[in-house]
Amino acid sequence: MRLNNLPSFLTGARYSSLDGQSPSWIALYDIDDPKTFSEPSYTRLRANRSPREADLVKRLEILDRRTCKLALDSGVPAEDVSTSLAAKNPTKTLVTHGFQSLEGGSLEELKKLDQKGWIRSRVFECYDNLTTGVGKDLKAKVPTYLVVHGKSHLGDFWSTLADAKQR
């Protein structure tokens, strides 16, 4: 609905979780302007959901919407590799995690992670969020920053992940 009907939505991709934790999927969109979220063309989609989408949303354990801006990027050109399926080389595997502070973090540290097997790492600062659903832990604090690491294939994914966790 967003990609086909709203020109402000430039790219988008959905990923399923492999770790068995909740939430079990993530959808990522690149937009050209955050004002999009207050425009009638977007708000109308949420207000007038299809019966299928409305039924799905009311059953979700958690729906965690975050609006973020890019804070750090490892520097791989977005047209070469991206979390978007519209890229020449779409990321097939993501690892995401949140944290509260950028203290001690730098672009150079992100680039070192990329040398360990990630093809692109980005840090996004979350400046708005909405959490709804039927789950019990809806009051959990949303981290200030979201980190997204990408790989083009699973390959040695688990060893790369273990190396990143040690850092």
C-alpha atoms as a PDB file:
ATOM      1  CA  MET A   1       0.000   0.000   0.000  1.00  0.00           C
ATOM      2  CA  ARG A   2       2.758   2.455   0.891  1.00  0.00           C
ATOM      3  CA  LEU A   3       5.223   1.735  -1.904  1.00  0.00           C
ATOM      4  CA  ASN A   4       2.608   1.585  -4.657  1.00  0.00           C
ATOM      5  CA  ASN A   5       0.521   4.564  -3.560  1.00  0.00           C
ATOM      6  CA  LEU A   6       2.812   7.055  -1.817  1.00  0.00           C
ATOM      7  CA  PRO A   7       5.690   8.601  -3.785  1.00  0.00           C
ATOM      8  CA  SER A   8       7.351   9.659  -0.496  1.00  0.00           C
ATOM      9  CA  PHE A   9       8.070   5.980   0.245  1.00  0.00           C
ATOM     10  CA  LEU A  10      11.236   5.366  -1.749  1.00  0.00           C
ATOM     11  CA  THR A  11      12.071   1.792  -0.742  1.00  0.00           C
ATOM     12  CA  GLY A  12      10.863  -0.890   1.576  1.00  0.00           C
ATOM     13  CA  ALA A  13      11.593  -4.436   2.662  1.00  0.00           C
ATOM     14  CA  ARG A  14      10.274  -6.957   5.171  1.00  0.00           C
ATOM     15  CA  TYR A  15      12.388  -9.470   7.034  1.00  0.00           C
ATOM     16  CA  SER A  16      11.396 -12.499   9.125  1.00  0.00           C
ATOM     17  CA  SER A  17      13.117 -13.269  12.412  1.00  0.00           C
ATOM     18  CA  LEU A  18      15.334 -16.337  12.766  1.00  0.00           C
ATOM     19  CA  ASP A  19      15.792 -16.135  16.546  1.00  0.00           C
ATOM     20  CA  GLY A  20      12.253 -17.041  17.608  1.00  0.00           C
ATOM     21  CA  GLN A  21      11.873 -13.835  19.609  1.00  0.00           C
ATOM     22  CA  SER A  22       9.086 -11.287  19.352  1.00  0.00           C
ATOM     23  CA  PRO A  23       8.529  -9.408  17.161  1.00  0.00           C
ATOM     24  CA  SER A  24       8.918 -12.058  14.482  1.00  0.00           C
ATOM     25  CA  TRP A  25       9.350  -9.629  11.585  1.00  0.00           C
ATOM     26  CA  ILE A  26      10.517  -6.127  10.720  1.00  0.00           C
ATOM     27  CA  ALA A  27       9.559  -3.802   7.888  1.00  0.00           C
ATOM     28  CA  LEU A  28      11.964  -1.023   6.930  1.00  0.00           C
ATOM     29  CA  TYR A  29      11.090   1.908   4.680  1.00  0.00           C
ATOM     30  CA  ASP A  30      13.142   4.777   3.310  1.00  0.00           C
ATOM     31  CA  ILE A  31      11.141   7.959   2.876  1.00  0.00           C
ATOM     32  CA  ASP A  32      12.038  11.317   1.408  1.00  0.00           C
ATOM     33  CA  ASP A  33      10.521  13.468   4.177  1.00  0.00           C
ATOM     34  CA  PRO A  34       9.225  12.693   7.702  1.00  0.00           C
ATOM     35  CA  LYS A  35       6.330  15.102   7.060  1.00  0.00           C
ATOM     36  CA  THR A  36       4.874  12.216   5.054  1.00  0.00           C
ATOM     37  CA  PHE A  37       3.553  10.679   8.278  1.00  0.00           C
ATOM     38  CA  SER A  38       1.277  13.645   8.961  1.00  0.00           C
ATOM     39  CA  GLU A  39      -0.021  14.009   5.402  1.00  0.00           C
ATOM     40  CA  PRO A  40      -3.572  12.822   4.644  1.00  0.00           C
ATOM     41  CA  SER A  41      -2.317  10.441   1.952  1.00  0.00           C
ATOM     42  CA  TYR A  42      -0.544   8.465   4.697  1.00  0.00           C
ATOM     43  CA  THR A  43      -2.887   8.955   7.660  1.00  0.00           C
ATOM     44  CA  ARG A  44      -5.795   7.845   5.457  1.00  0.00           C
ATOM     45  CA  LEU A  45      -4.104   4.428   4.999  1.00  0.00           C
ATOM     46  CA  ARG A  46      -4.104   3.843   8.754  1.00  0.00           C
ATOM     47  CA  ALA A  47      -7.593   5.241   9.309  1.00  0.00           C
ATOM     48  CA  ASN A  48      -9.158   3.215   6.467  1.00  0.00           C
ATOM     49  CA  ARG A  49      -7.397  -0.123   6.746  1.00  0.00           C
ATOM     50  CA  SER A  50      -8.603  -3.075   4.715  1.00  0.00           C
ATOM     51  CA  PRO A  51     -10.591  -5.614   6.761  1.00  0.00           C
ATOM     52  CA  ARG A  52      -7.633  -8.028   6.478  1.00  0.00           C
ATOM     53  CA  GLU A  53      -5.116  -5.475   7.786  1.00  0.00           C
ATOM     54  CA  ALA A  54      -7.467  -4.271  10.552  1.00  0.00           C
ATOM     55  CA  ASP A  55      -7.936  -7.874  11.734  1.00  0.00           C
ATOM     56  CA  LEU A  56      -4.190  -8.483  11.700  1.00  0.00           C
ATOM     57  CA  VAL A  57      -3.348  -5.284  13.612  1.00  0.00           C
ATOM     58  CA  LYS A  58      -5.861  -5.961  16.390  1.00  0.00           C
ATOM     59  CA  ARG A  59      -4.304  -9.418  16.969  1.00  0.00           C
ATOM     60  CA  LEU A  60      -0.644  -8.327  17.047  1.00  0.00           C
ATOM     61  CA  GLU A  61       1.201  -8.956  20.281  1.00  0.00           C
ATOM     62  CA  ILE A  62       3.225  -5.825  19.604  1.00  0.00           C
ATOM     63  CA  LEU A  63       3.280  -3.225  16.868  1.00  0.00           C
ATOM     64  CA  ASP A  64       6.301  -1.016  17.412  1.00  0.00           C
ATOM     65  CA  ARG A  65       6.510   1.853  14.914  1.00  0.00           C
ATOM     66  CA  ARG A  66       9.658   3.943  15.037  1.00  0.00           C
ATOM     67  CA  THR A  67      10.591   6.989  13.051  1.00  0.00           C
ATOM     68  CA  CYS A  68      14.343   7.388  12.851  1.00  0.00           C
ATOM     69  CA  LYS A  69      16.950   9.486  11.123  1.00  0.00           C
ATOM     70  CA  LEU A  70      20.328   8.241   9.998  1.00  0.00           C
ATOM     71  CA  ALA A  71      23.054   9.042  12.541  1.00  0.00           C
ATOM     72  CA  LEU A  72      26.015   6.943  11.298  1.00  0.00           C
ATOM     73  CA  ASP A  73      26.611   4.956   8.125  1.00  0.00           C
ATOM     74  CA  SER A  74      29.528   2.684   7.289  1.00  0.00           C
ATOM     75  CA  GLY A  75      29.709   4.315   3.884  1.00  0.00           C
ATOM     76  CA  VAL A  76      28.690   1.627   1.400  1.00  0.00           C
ATOM     77  CA  PRO A  77      26.715   3.433  -1.316  1.00  0.00           C
ATOM     78  CA  ALA A  78      22.993   2.838  -0.850  1.00  0.00           C
ATOM     79  CA  GLU A  79      22.555   2.090  -4.540  1.00  0.00           C
ATOM     80  CA  ASP A  80      25.063  -0.777  -4.243  1.00  0.00           C
ATOM     81  CA  VAL A  81      23.687  -2.463  -1.134  1.00  0.00           C
ATOM     82  CA  SER A  82      20.709  -1.644   0.984  1.00  0.00           C
ATOM     83  CA  THR A  83      18.058  -2.994   3.294  1.00  0.00           C
ATOM     84  CA  SER A  84      15.800  -2.243   0.365  1.00  0.00           C
ATOM     85  CA  LEU A  85      14.871  -4.935  -2.098  1.00  0.00           C
ATOM     86  CA  ALA A  86      15.040  -2.255  -4.794  1.00  0.00           C
ATOM     87  CA  ALA A  87      18.843  -2.113  -4.563  1.00  0.00           C
ATOM     88  CA  LYS A  88      21.222  -3.800  -7.023  1.00  0.00           C
ATOM     89  CA  ASN A  89      22.495  -5.995  -4.187  1.00  0.00           C
ATOM     90  CA  PRO A  90      19.718  -6.231  -1.586  1.00  0.00           C
ATOM     91  CA  THR A  91      20.648  -7.236   1.925  1.00  0.00           C
ATOM     92  CA  LYS A  92      19.401 -10.773   2.544  1.00  0.00           C
ATOM     93  CA  THR A  93      20.206 -10.905   6.255  1.00  0.00           C
ATOM     94  CA  LEU A  94      19.932  -8.241   8.975  1.00  0.00           C
ATOM     95  CA  VAL A  95      20.887  -8.060  12.600  1.00  0.00           C
ATOM     96  CA  THR A  96      19.279  -5.244  14.552  1.00  0.00           C
ATOM     97  CA  HIS A  97      19.777  -4.095  18.109  1.00  0.00           C
ATOM     98  CA  GLY A  98      19.091  -0.988  20.116  1.00  0.00           C
ATOM     99  CA  PHE A  99      21.126   1.078  22.544  1.00  0.00           C
ATOM    100  CA  GLN A 100      20.709   4.282  24.515  1.00  0.00           C
ATOM    101  CA  SER A 101      23.852   6.316  23.801  1.00  0.00           C
ATOM    102  CA  LEU A 102      26.365   6.956  21.044  1.00  0.00           C
ATOM    103  CA  GLU A 103      29.079   7.630  23.637  1.00  0.00           C
ATOM    104  CA  GLY A 104      32.292   6.015  22.473  1.00  0.00           C
ATOM    105  CA  GLY A 105      30.689   5.042  19.163  1.00  0.00           C
ATOM    106  CA  SER A 106      32.109   6.242  15.904  1.00  0.00           C
ATOM    107  CA  LEU A 107      31.944   5.743  12.188  1.00  0.00           C
ATOM    108  CA  GLU A 108      35.388   4.116  12.327  1.00  0.00           C
ATOM    109  CA  GLU A 109      34.046   1.444  14.704  1.00  0.00           C
ATOM    110  CA  LEU A 110      31.198   0.760  12.277  1.00  0.00           C
ATOM    111  CA  LYS A 111      33.659   0.399   9.402  1.00  0.00           C
ATOM    112  CA  LYS A 112      35.671  -2.125  11.443  1.00  0.00           C
ATOM    113  CA  LEU A 113      32.502  -4.190  11.887  1.00  0.00           C
ATOM    114  CA  ASP A 114      31.939  -4.122   8.128  1.00  0.00           C
ATOM    115  CA  GLN A 115      35.427  -5.549   7.650  1.00  0.00           C
ATOM    116  CA  LYS A 116      34.328  -8.475   9.836  1.00  0.00           C
ATOM    117  CA  GLY A 117      31.745  -9.594   7.292  1.00  0.00           C
ATOM    118  CA  TRP A 118      28.908  -7.102   7.403  1.00  0.00           C
ATOM    119  CA  ILE A 119      28.386  -5.356   4.091  1.00  0.00           C
ATOM    120  CA  ARG A 120      26.789  -2.291   5.624  1.00  0.00           C
ATOM    121  CA  SER A 121      26.155  -1.029   9.143  1.00  0.00           C
ATOM    122  CA  ARG A 122      24.000   1.937  10.037  1.00  0.00           C
ATOM    123  CA  VAL A 123      22.894   3.610  13.247  1.00  0.00           C
ATOM    124  CA  PHE A 124      19.531   5.359  13.309  1.00  0.00           C
ATOM    125  CA  GLU A 125      18.389   7.819  15.980  1.00  0.00           C
ATOM    126  CA  CYS A 126      14.767   7.165  16.927  1.00  0.00           C
ATOM    127  CA  TYR A 127      12.892  10.405  17.479  1.00  0.00           C
ATOM    128  CA  ASP A 128       9.299   9.191  17.480  1.00  0.00           C
ATOM    129  CA  ASN A 129       7.599   5.904  18.257  1.00  0.00           C
ATOM    130  CA  LEU A 130       4.211   4.343  18.821  1.00  0.00           C
ATOM    131  CA  THR A 131       3.821   0.956  20.507  1.00  0.00           C
ATOM    132  CA  THR A 132       0.471  -0.830  20.499  1.00  0.00           C
ATOM    133  CA  GLY A 133      -0.765  -4.399  20.664  1.00  0.00           C
ATOM    134  CA  VAL A 134      -2.196  -7.058  22.924  1.00  0.00           C
ATOM    135  CA  GLY A 135       1.120  -8.086  24.558  1.00  0.00           C
ATOM    136  CA  LYS A 136       2.045  -7.628  28.200  1.00  0.00           C
ATOM    137  CA  ASP A 137       5.296  -5.686  27.764  1.00  0.00           C
ATOM    138  CA  LEU A 138       4.065  -2.664  25.814  1.00  0.00           C
ATOM    139  CA  LYS A 139       5.629  -0.198  28.248  1.00  0.00           C
ATOM    140  CA  ALA A 140       9.200  -1.307  27.515  1.00  0.00           C
ATOM    141  CA  LYS A 141      11.557   1.587  26.876  1.00  0.00           C
ATOM    142  CA  VAL A 142      12.313   2.122  23.198  1.00  0.00           C
ATOM    143  CA  PRO A 143      16.070   2.538  22.748  1.00  0.00           C
ATOM    144  CA  THR A 144      17.281   5.894  21.471  1.00  0.00           C
ATOM    145  CA  TYR A 145      19.329   4.259  18.715  1.00  0.00           C
ATOM    146  CA  LEU A 146      18.678   1.360  16.357  1.00  0.00           C
ATOM    147  CA  VAL A 147      21.641  -0.401  14.738  1.00  0.00           C
ATOM    148  CA  VAL A 148      21.121  -2.282  11.487  1.00  0.00           C
ATOM    149  CA  HIS A 149      23.890  -4.576  10.209  1.00  0.00           C
ATOM    150  CA  GLY A 150      23.405  -6.222   6.820  1.00  0.00           C
ATOM    151  CA  LYS A 151      24.843  -9.199   4.932  1.00  0.00           C
ATOM    152  CA  SER A 152      24.154 -10.260   1.364  1.00  0.00           C
ATOM    153  CA  HIS A 153      23.850 -13.961   2.315  1.00  0.00           C
ATOM    154  CA  LEU A 154      23.793 -16.176   5.401  1.00  0.00           C
ATOM    155  CA  GLY A 155      27.188 -17.809   4.718  1.00  0.00           C
ATOM    156  CA  ASP A 156      29.222 -17.445   7.893  1.00  0.00           C
ATOM    157  CA  PHE A 157      26.480 -15.323   9.475  1.00  0.00           C
ATOM    158  CA  TRP A 158      26.590 -16.956  12.916  1.00  0.00           C
ATOM    159  CA  SER A 159      30.364 -16.595  13.317  1.00  0.00           C
ATOM    160  CA  THR A 160      30.144 -12.966  12.182  1.00  0.00           C
ATOM    161  CA  LEU A 161      27.343 -12.348  14.692  1.00  0.00           C
ATOM    162  CA  ALA A 162      29.339 -13.968  17.499  1.00  0.00           C
ATOM    163  CA  ASP A 163      32.313 -11.741  16.635  1.00  0.00           C
ATOM    164  CA  ALA A 164      30.100  -8.620  16.691  1.00  0.00           C
ATOM    165  CA  LYS A 165      28.670  -9.597  20.115  1.00  0.00           C
ATOM    166  CA  GLN A 166      32.184  -9.838  21.547  1.00  0.00           C
ATOM    167  CA  ARG A 167      32.852  -6.178  20.698  1.00  0.00           C
END
